[in-house]
Amino acid sequence: MAAKKKEALPQMNITSQELWEEMLCLKGLIVVDAFQAWCGPCKTVVDLFQKIRNEVGSNLLHFAVAEVDSIDALEGYRGQCQPVFLFYAEGELVAVVRGVNAPLLQKTILEQLAGQRKVLEHGGEQVLMQDRALSEEEGSAAALQGAQREGQTGKAGTVWDALCAFGKCLC
């Protein structure tokens, strides 16, 4: 009987500041699932990431999971329970998606990957963004939670907060 071929995980596991800095040097678009140690990375997006990787087949597309508790650069995301997906190109933050929204994640990945290809092939500048969770001006926990709920529809933010309070994660 032939053994089943084990598929490789579609993402890198970033567990230290050193690995984080190495990852940021990769060429192309890097999609990072920034997670809390107590919750773990979002398991629901692994299939989506694999599907997108198979469809685009690009060596410019990388996926990673990063534990915010062990990476100084992600300190602004500590203490939150809503999934956060960070998009980096040329070592700079270019987009953020909060919550597990597969259509929005797929759209953002494809748009950012197309933009990154354009920058690499034709020159030009990458459009960067500043995430309020990482800005020094938004230091309070209440402001950070409000910033992380921006863009959510309905009561998604309050559902995450309620589940977080009971130690349950949506991922």
C-alpha atoms as a PDB file:
ATOM      1  CA  MET A   1       0.000   0.000   0.000  1.00  0.00           C
ATOM      2  CA  ALA A   2       1.427   3.382  -1.000  1.00  0.00           C
ATOM      3  CA  ALA A   3       1.847   6.003   1.678  1.00  0.00           C
ATOM      4  CA  LYS A   4      -0.105   9.232   1.272  1.00  0.00           C
ATOM      5  CA  LYS A   5       2.013  12.200   0.265  1.00  0.00           C
ATOM      6  CA  LYS A   6       1.937  14.757   3.040  1.00  0.00           C
ATOM      7  CA  GLU A   7       1.272  18.310   1.818  1.00  0.00           C
ATOM      8  CA  ALA A   8       3.523  21.047   3.108  1.00  0.00           C
ATOM      9  CA  LEU A   9       1.914  23.796   5.134  1.00  0.00           C
ATOM     10  CA  PRO A  10       1.359  26.856   2.983  1.00  0.00           C
ATOM     11  CA  GLN A  11       2.913  29.194   5.539  1.00  0.00           C
ATOM     12  CA  MET A  12       6.092  29.957   7.455  1.00  0.00           C
ATOM     13  CA  ASN A  13       6.025  29.867  11.250  1.00  0.00           C
ATOM     14  CA  ILE A  14       7.517  33.100  12.660  1.00  0.00           C
ATOM     15  CA  THR A  15       8.274  32.796  16.377  1.00  0.00           C
ATOM     16  CA  SER A  16      10.969  35.422  17.036  1.00  0.00           C
ATOM     17  CA  GLN A  17      12.000  38.958  16.144  1.00  0.00           C
ATOM     18  CA  GLU A  18      14.953  37.557  14.167  1.00  0.00           C
ATOM     19  CA  LEU A  19      12.707  35.329  12.027  1.00  0.00           C
ATOM     20  CA  TRP A  20      10.330  38.280  11.567  1.00  0.00           C
ATOM     21  CA  GLU A  21      13.145  40.459  10.215  1.00  0.00           C
ATOM     22  CA  GLU A  22      14.314  37.665   7.887  1.00  0.00           C
ATOM     23  CA  MET A  23      10.756  37.184   6.601  1.00  0.00           C
ATOM     24  CA  LEU A  24      10.414  40.884   5.792  1.00  0.00           C
ATOM     25  CA  CYS A  25      13.393  40.559   3.422  1.00  0.00           C
ATOM     26  CA  LEU A  26      11.505  38.166   1.142  1.00  0.00           C
ATOM     27  CA  LYS A  27      10.727  39.435  -2.332  1.00  0.00           C
ATOM     28  CA  GLY A  28       7.028  39.732  -3.132  1.00  0.00           C
ATOM     29  CA  LEU A  29       3.868  39.872  -1.040  1.00  0.00           C
ATOM     30  CA  ILE A  30       3.825  38.368   2.452  1.00  0.00           C
ATOM     31  CA  VAL A  31       0.472  37.664   4.129  1.00  0.00           C
ATOM     32  CA  VAL A  32       0.861  37.296   7.894  1.00  0.00           C
ATOM     33  CA  ASP A  33      -1.717  35.830  10.278  1.00  0.00           C
ATOM     34  CA  ALA A  34      -0.800  37.694  13.497  1.00  0.00           C
ATOM     35  CA  PHE A  35      -2.085  35.545  16.367  1.00  0.00           C
ATOM     36  CA  GLN A  36      -2.109  35.324  20.171  1.00  0.00           C
ATOM     37  CA  ALA A  37      -0.237  32.424  21.771  1.00  0.00           C
ATOM     38  CA  TRP A  38      -3.318  31.329  23.755  1.00  0.00           C
ATOM     39  CA  CYS A  39      -5.461  31.158  20.604  1.00  0.00           C
ATOM     40  CA  GLY A  40      -3.093  29.962  17.894  1.00  0.00           C
ATOM     41  CA  PRO A  41      -3.187  30.831  14.206  1.00  0.00           C
ATOM     42  CA  CYS A  42      -6.453  30.850  12.306  1.00  0.00           C
ATOM     43  CA  LYS A  43      -7.045  27.338  10.992  1.00  0.00           C
ATOM     44  CA  THR A  44      -9.962  28.348   8.773  1.00  0.00           C
ATOM     45  CA  VAL A  45      -7.751  30.235   6.304  1.00  0.00           C
ATOM     46  CA  VAL A  46      -5.192  27.484   5.660  1.00  0.00           C
ATOM     47  CA  ASP A  47      -7.330  25.968   2.879  1.00  0.00           C
ATOM     48  CA  LEU A  48      -7.964  29.416   1.406  1.00  0.00           C
ATOM     49  CA  PHE A  49      -4.232  30.183   1.377  1.00  0.00           C
ATOM     50  CA  GLN A  50      -3.496  26.820  -0.276  1.00  0.00           C
ATOM     51  CA  LYS A  51      -6.195  27.427  -2.899  1.00  0.00           C
ATOM     52  CA  ILE A  52      -4.867  30.891  -3.729  1.00  0.00           C
ATOM     53  CA  ARG A  53      -1.283  29.632  -3.899  1.00  0.00           C
ATOM     54  CA  ASN A  54      -2.370  26.864  -6.319  1.00  0.00           C
ATOM     55  CA  GLU A  55      -4.355  29.312  -8.471  1.00  0.00           C
ATOM     56  CA  VAL A  56      -1.719  32.031  -8.797  1.00  0.00           C
ATOM     57  CA  GLY A  57       1.332  29.749  -8.640  1.00  0.00           C
ATOM     58  CA  SER A  58       3.559  32.719  -7.877  1.00  0.00           C
ATOM     59  CA  ASN A  59       6.918  32.662  -6.152  1.00  0.00           C
ATOM     60  CA  LEU A  60       6.108  36.259  -5.159  1.00  0.00           C
ATOM     61  CA  LEU A  61       3.357  35.142  -2.742  1.00  0.00           C
ATOM     62  CA  HIS A  62       4.291  34.043   0.771  1.00  0.00           C
ATOM     63  CA  PHE A  63       2.133  33.143   3.773  1.00  0.00           C
ATOM     64  CA  ALA A  64       3.249  33.245   7.401  1.00  0.00           C
ATOM     65  CA  VAL A  65       1.861  32.894  10.899  1.00  0.00           C
ATOM     66  CA  ALA A  66       3.408  35.098  13.578  1.00  0.00           C
ATOM     67  CA  GLU A  67       2.932  34.873  17.329  1.00  0.00           C
ATOM     68  CA  VAL A  68       2.554  38.496  18.453  1.00  0.00           C
ATOM     69  CA  ASP A  69       3.658  37.703  22.007  1.00  0.00           C
ATOM     70  CA  SER A  70       7.180  36.799  20.877  1.00  0.00           C
ATOM     71  CA  ILE A  71       7.753  39.495  18.223  1.00  0.00           C
ATOM     72  CA  ASP A  72       8.527  43.031  19.382  1.00  0.00           C
ATOM     73  CA  ALA A  73       7.430  44.582  16.072  1.00  0.00           C
ATOM     74  CA  LEU A  74       3.893  43.224  16.648  1.00  0.00           C
ATOM     75  CA  GLU A  75       3.491  44.507  20.203  1.00  0.00           C
ATOM     76  CA  GLY A  76       0.530  46.684  19.150  1.00  0.00           C
ATOM     77  CA  TYR A  77      -1.483  43.536  18.381  1.00  0.00           C
ATOM     78  CA  ARG A  78      -1.026  41.895  21.787  1.00  0.00           C
ATOM     79  CA  GLY A  79      -4.071  41.396  23.986  1.00  0.00           C
ATOM     80  CA  GLN A  80      -6.533  41.282  21.105  1.00  0.00           C
ATOM     81  CA  CYS A  81      -8.590  38.259  20.148  1.00  0.00           C
ATOM     82  CA  GLN A  82      -9.832  39.239  16.690  1.00  0.00           C
ATOM     83  CA  PRO A  83      -7.808  37.643  13.882  1.00  0.00           C
ATOM     84  CA  VAL A  84      -5.564  40.153  12.074  1.00  0.00           C
ATOM     85  CA  PHE A  85      -3.966  39.567   8.684  1.00  0.00           C
ATOM     86  CA  LEU A  86      -1.067  41.850   7.769  1.00  0.00           C
ATOM     87  CA  PHE A  87       0.153  42.331   4.198  1.00  0.00           C
ATOM     88  CA  TYR A  88       3.802  43.275   3.636  1.00  0.00           C
ATOM     89  CA  ALA A  89       5.659  44.140   0.442  1.00  0.00           C
ATOM     90  CA  GLU A  90       9.316  45.170   0.314  1.00  0.00           C
ATOM     91  CA  GLY A  91       9.351  44.990   4.115  1.00  0.00           C
ATOM     92  CA  GLU A  92       6.572  47.575   4.491  1.00  0.00           C
ATOM     93  CA  LEU A  93       2.961  47.227   5.620  1.00  0.00           C
ATOM     94  CA  VAL A  94       0.631  47.699   2.632  1.00  0.00           C
ATOM     95  CA  ALA A  95      -2.732  46.383   3.900  1.00  0.00           C
ATOM     96  CA  VAL A  96      -4.543  44.963   6.945  1.00  0.00           C
ATOM     97  CA  VAL A  97      -7.632  42.742   7.113  1.00  0.00           C
ATOM     98  CA  ARG A  98      -9.304  42.266  10.488  1.00  0.00           C
ATOM     99  CA  GLY A  99     -11.483  39.241  11.053  1.00  0.00           C
ATOM    100  CA  VAL A 100     -11.882  36.046   9.058  1.00  0.00           C
ATOM    101  CA  ASN A 101     -13.541  37.278   5.884  1.00  0.00           C
ATOM    102  CA  ALA A 102     -12.499  34.855   3.123  1.00  0.00           C
ATOM    103  CA  PRO A 103     -13.792  36.938   0.171  1.00  0.00           C
ATOM    104  CA  LEU A 104     -12.066  40.075   1.491  1.00  0.00           C
ATOM    105  CA  LEU A 105      -8.852  38.165   2.204  1.00  0.00           C
ATOM    106  CA  GLN A 106      -8.818  36.677  -1.294  1.00  0.00           C
ATOM    107  CA  LYS A 107      -9.578  40.050  -2.919  1.00  0.00           C
ATOM    108  CA  THR A 108      -6.866  41.800  -0.896  1.00  0.00           C
ATOM    109  CA  ILE A 109      -4.283  39.105  -1.658  1.00  0.00           C
ATOM    110  CA  LEU A 110      -4.974  39.235  -5.403  1.00  0.00           C
ATOM    111  CA  GLU A 111      -5.006  43.057  -5.508  1.00  0.00           C
ATOM    112  CA  GLN A 112      -1.834  43.429  -3.464  1.00  0.00           C
ATOM    113  CA  LEU A 113      -0.049  40.700  -5.438  1.00  0.00           C
ATOM    114  CA  ALA A 114      -0.969  42.435  -8.720  1.00  0.00           C
ATOM    115  CA  GLY A 115       0.293  45.733  -7.304  1.00  0.00           C
ATOM    116  CA  GLN A 116       3.532  44.131  -6.162  1.00  0.00           C
ATOM    117  CA  ARG A 117       4.084  42.566  -9.596  1.00  0.00           C
ATOM    118  CA  LYS A 118       3.524  45.965 -11.198  1.00  0.00           C
ATOM    119  CA  VAL A 119       6.042  47.611  -8.859  1.00  0.00           C
ATOM    120  CA  LEU A 120       8.652  44.921  -9.522  1.00  0.00           C
ATOM    121  CA  GLU A 121       8.148  44.844 -13.302  1.00  0.00           C
ATOM    122  CA  HIS A 122       7.650  48.524 -14.073  1.00  0.00           C
ATOM    123  CA  GLY A 123       9.193  50.315 -11.122  1.00  0.00           C
ATOM    124  CA  GLY A 124       7.288  52.850  -9.126  1.00  0.00           C
ATOM    125  CA  GLU A 125       6.442  53.043  -5.476  1.00  0.00           C
ATOM    126  CA  GLN A 126       4.492  50.693  -3.266  1.00  0.00           C
ATOM    127  CA  VAL A 127       1.460  52.273  -1.577  1.00  0.00           C
ATOM    128  CA  LEU A 128       2.085  51.993   2.160  1.00  0.00           C
ATOM    129  CA  MET A 129      -0.342  52.248   5.052  1.00  0.00           C
ATOM    130  CA  GLN A 130      -0.124  53.094   8.731  1.00  0.00           C
ATOM    131  CA  ASP A 131      -2.093  50.760  10.992  1.00  0.00           C
ATOM    132  CA  ARG A 132      -3.552  52.579  13.976  1.00  0.00           C
ATOM    133  CA  ALA A 133      -2.809  49.543  16.163  1.00  0.00           C
ATOM    134  CA  LEU A 134       0.895  50.236  15.693  1.00  0.00           C
ATOM    135  CA  SER A 135       0.855  54.028  15.967  1.00  0.00           C
ATOM    136  CA  GLU A 136       2.168  55.612  19.138  1.00  0.00           C
ATOM    137  CA  GLU A 137      -0.734  58.093  19.211  1.00  0.00           C
ATOM    138  CA  GLU A 138      -3.308  55.332  19.817  1.00  0.00           C
ATOM    139  CA  GLY A 139      -1.760  53.952  22.995  1.00  0.00           C
ATOM    140  CA  SER A 140      -4.821  53.160  25.078  1.00  0.00           C
ATOM    141  CA  ALA A 141      -6.417  49.714  25.004  1.00  0.00           C
ATOM    142  CA  ALA A 142      -9.854  51.220  24.328  1.00  0.00           C
ATOM    143  CA  ALA A 143      -8.593  53.151  21.305  1.00  0.00           C
ATOM    144  CA  LEU A 144      -6.803  50.050  20.035  1.00  0.00           C
ATOM    145  CA  GLN A 145      -9.923  47.894  20.364  1.00  0.00           C
ATOM    146  CA  GLY A 146     -11.961  50.546  18.553  1.00  0.00           C
ATOM    147  CA  ALA A 147      -9.401  50.698  15.754  1.00  0.00           C
ATOM    148  CA  GLN A 148      -9.446  46.933  15.415  1.00  0.00           C
ATOM    149  CA  ARG A 149     -13.235  46.885  15.080  1.00  0.00           C
ATOM    150  CA  GLU A 150     -13.193  49.502  12.301  1.00  0.00           C
ATOM    151  CA  GLY A 151     -14.446  48.078   9.065  1.00  0.00           C
ATOM    152  CA  GLN A 152     -16.443  45.291  10.739  1.00  0.00           C
ATOM    153  CA  THR A 153     -20.112  45.026   9.876  1.00  0.00           C
ATOM    154  CA  GLY A 154     -22.847  44.204  12.322  1.00  0.00           C
ATOM    155  CA  LYS A 155     -21.745  43.170  15.803  1.00  0.00           C
ATOM    156  CA  ALA A 156     -18.649  41.165  14.881  1.00  0.00           C
ATOM    157  CA  GLY A 157     -16.429  43.140  17.248  1.00  0.00           C
ATOM    158  CA  THR A 158     -18.653  42.516  20.245  1.00  0.00           C
ATOM    159  CA  VAL A 159     -18.920  38.805  19.398  1.00  0.00           C
ATOM    160  CA  TRP A 160     -15.108  38.512  19.366  1.00  0.00           C
ATOM    161  CA  ASP A 161     -14.893  40.416  22.646  1.00  0.00           C
ATOM    162  CA  ALA A 162     -17.512  38.145  24.261  1.00  0.00           C
ATOM    163  CA  LEU A 163     -15.810  34.967  23.073  1.00  0.00           C
ATOM    164  CA  CYS A 164     -12.445  36.321  24.153  1.00  0.00           C
ATOM    165  CA  ALA A 165     -13.811  36.950  27.630  1.00  0.00           C
ATOM    166  CA  PHE A 166     -14.744  33.252  27.869  1.00  0.00           C
ATOM    167  CA  GLY A 167     -11.402  32.099  26.434  1.00  0.00           C
ATOM    168  CA  LYS A 168     -12.968  30.902  23.167  1.00  0.00           C
ATOM    169  CA  CYS A 169     -11.419  31.883  19.856  1.00  0.00           C
ATOM    170  CA  LEU A 170     -13.274  32.006  16.554  1.00  0.00           C
ATOM    171  CA  CYS A 171     -10.349  30.386  14.783  1.00  0.00           C
END
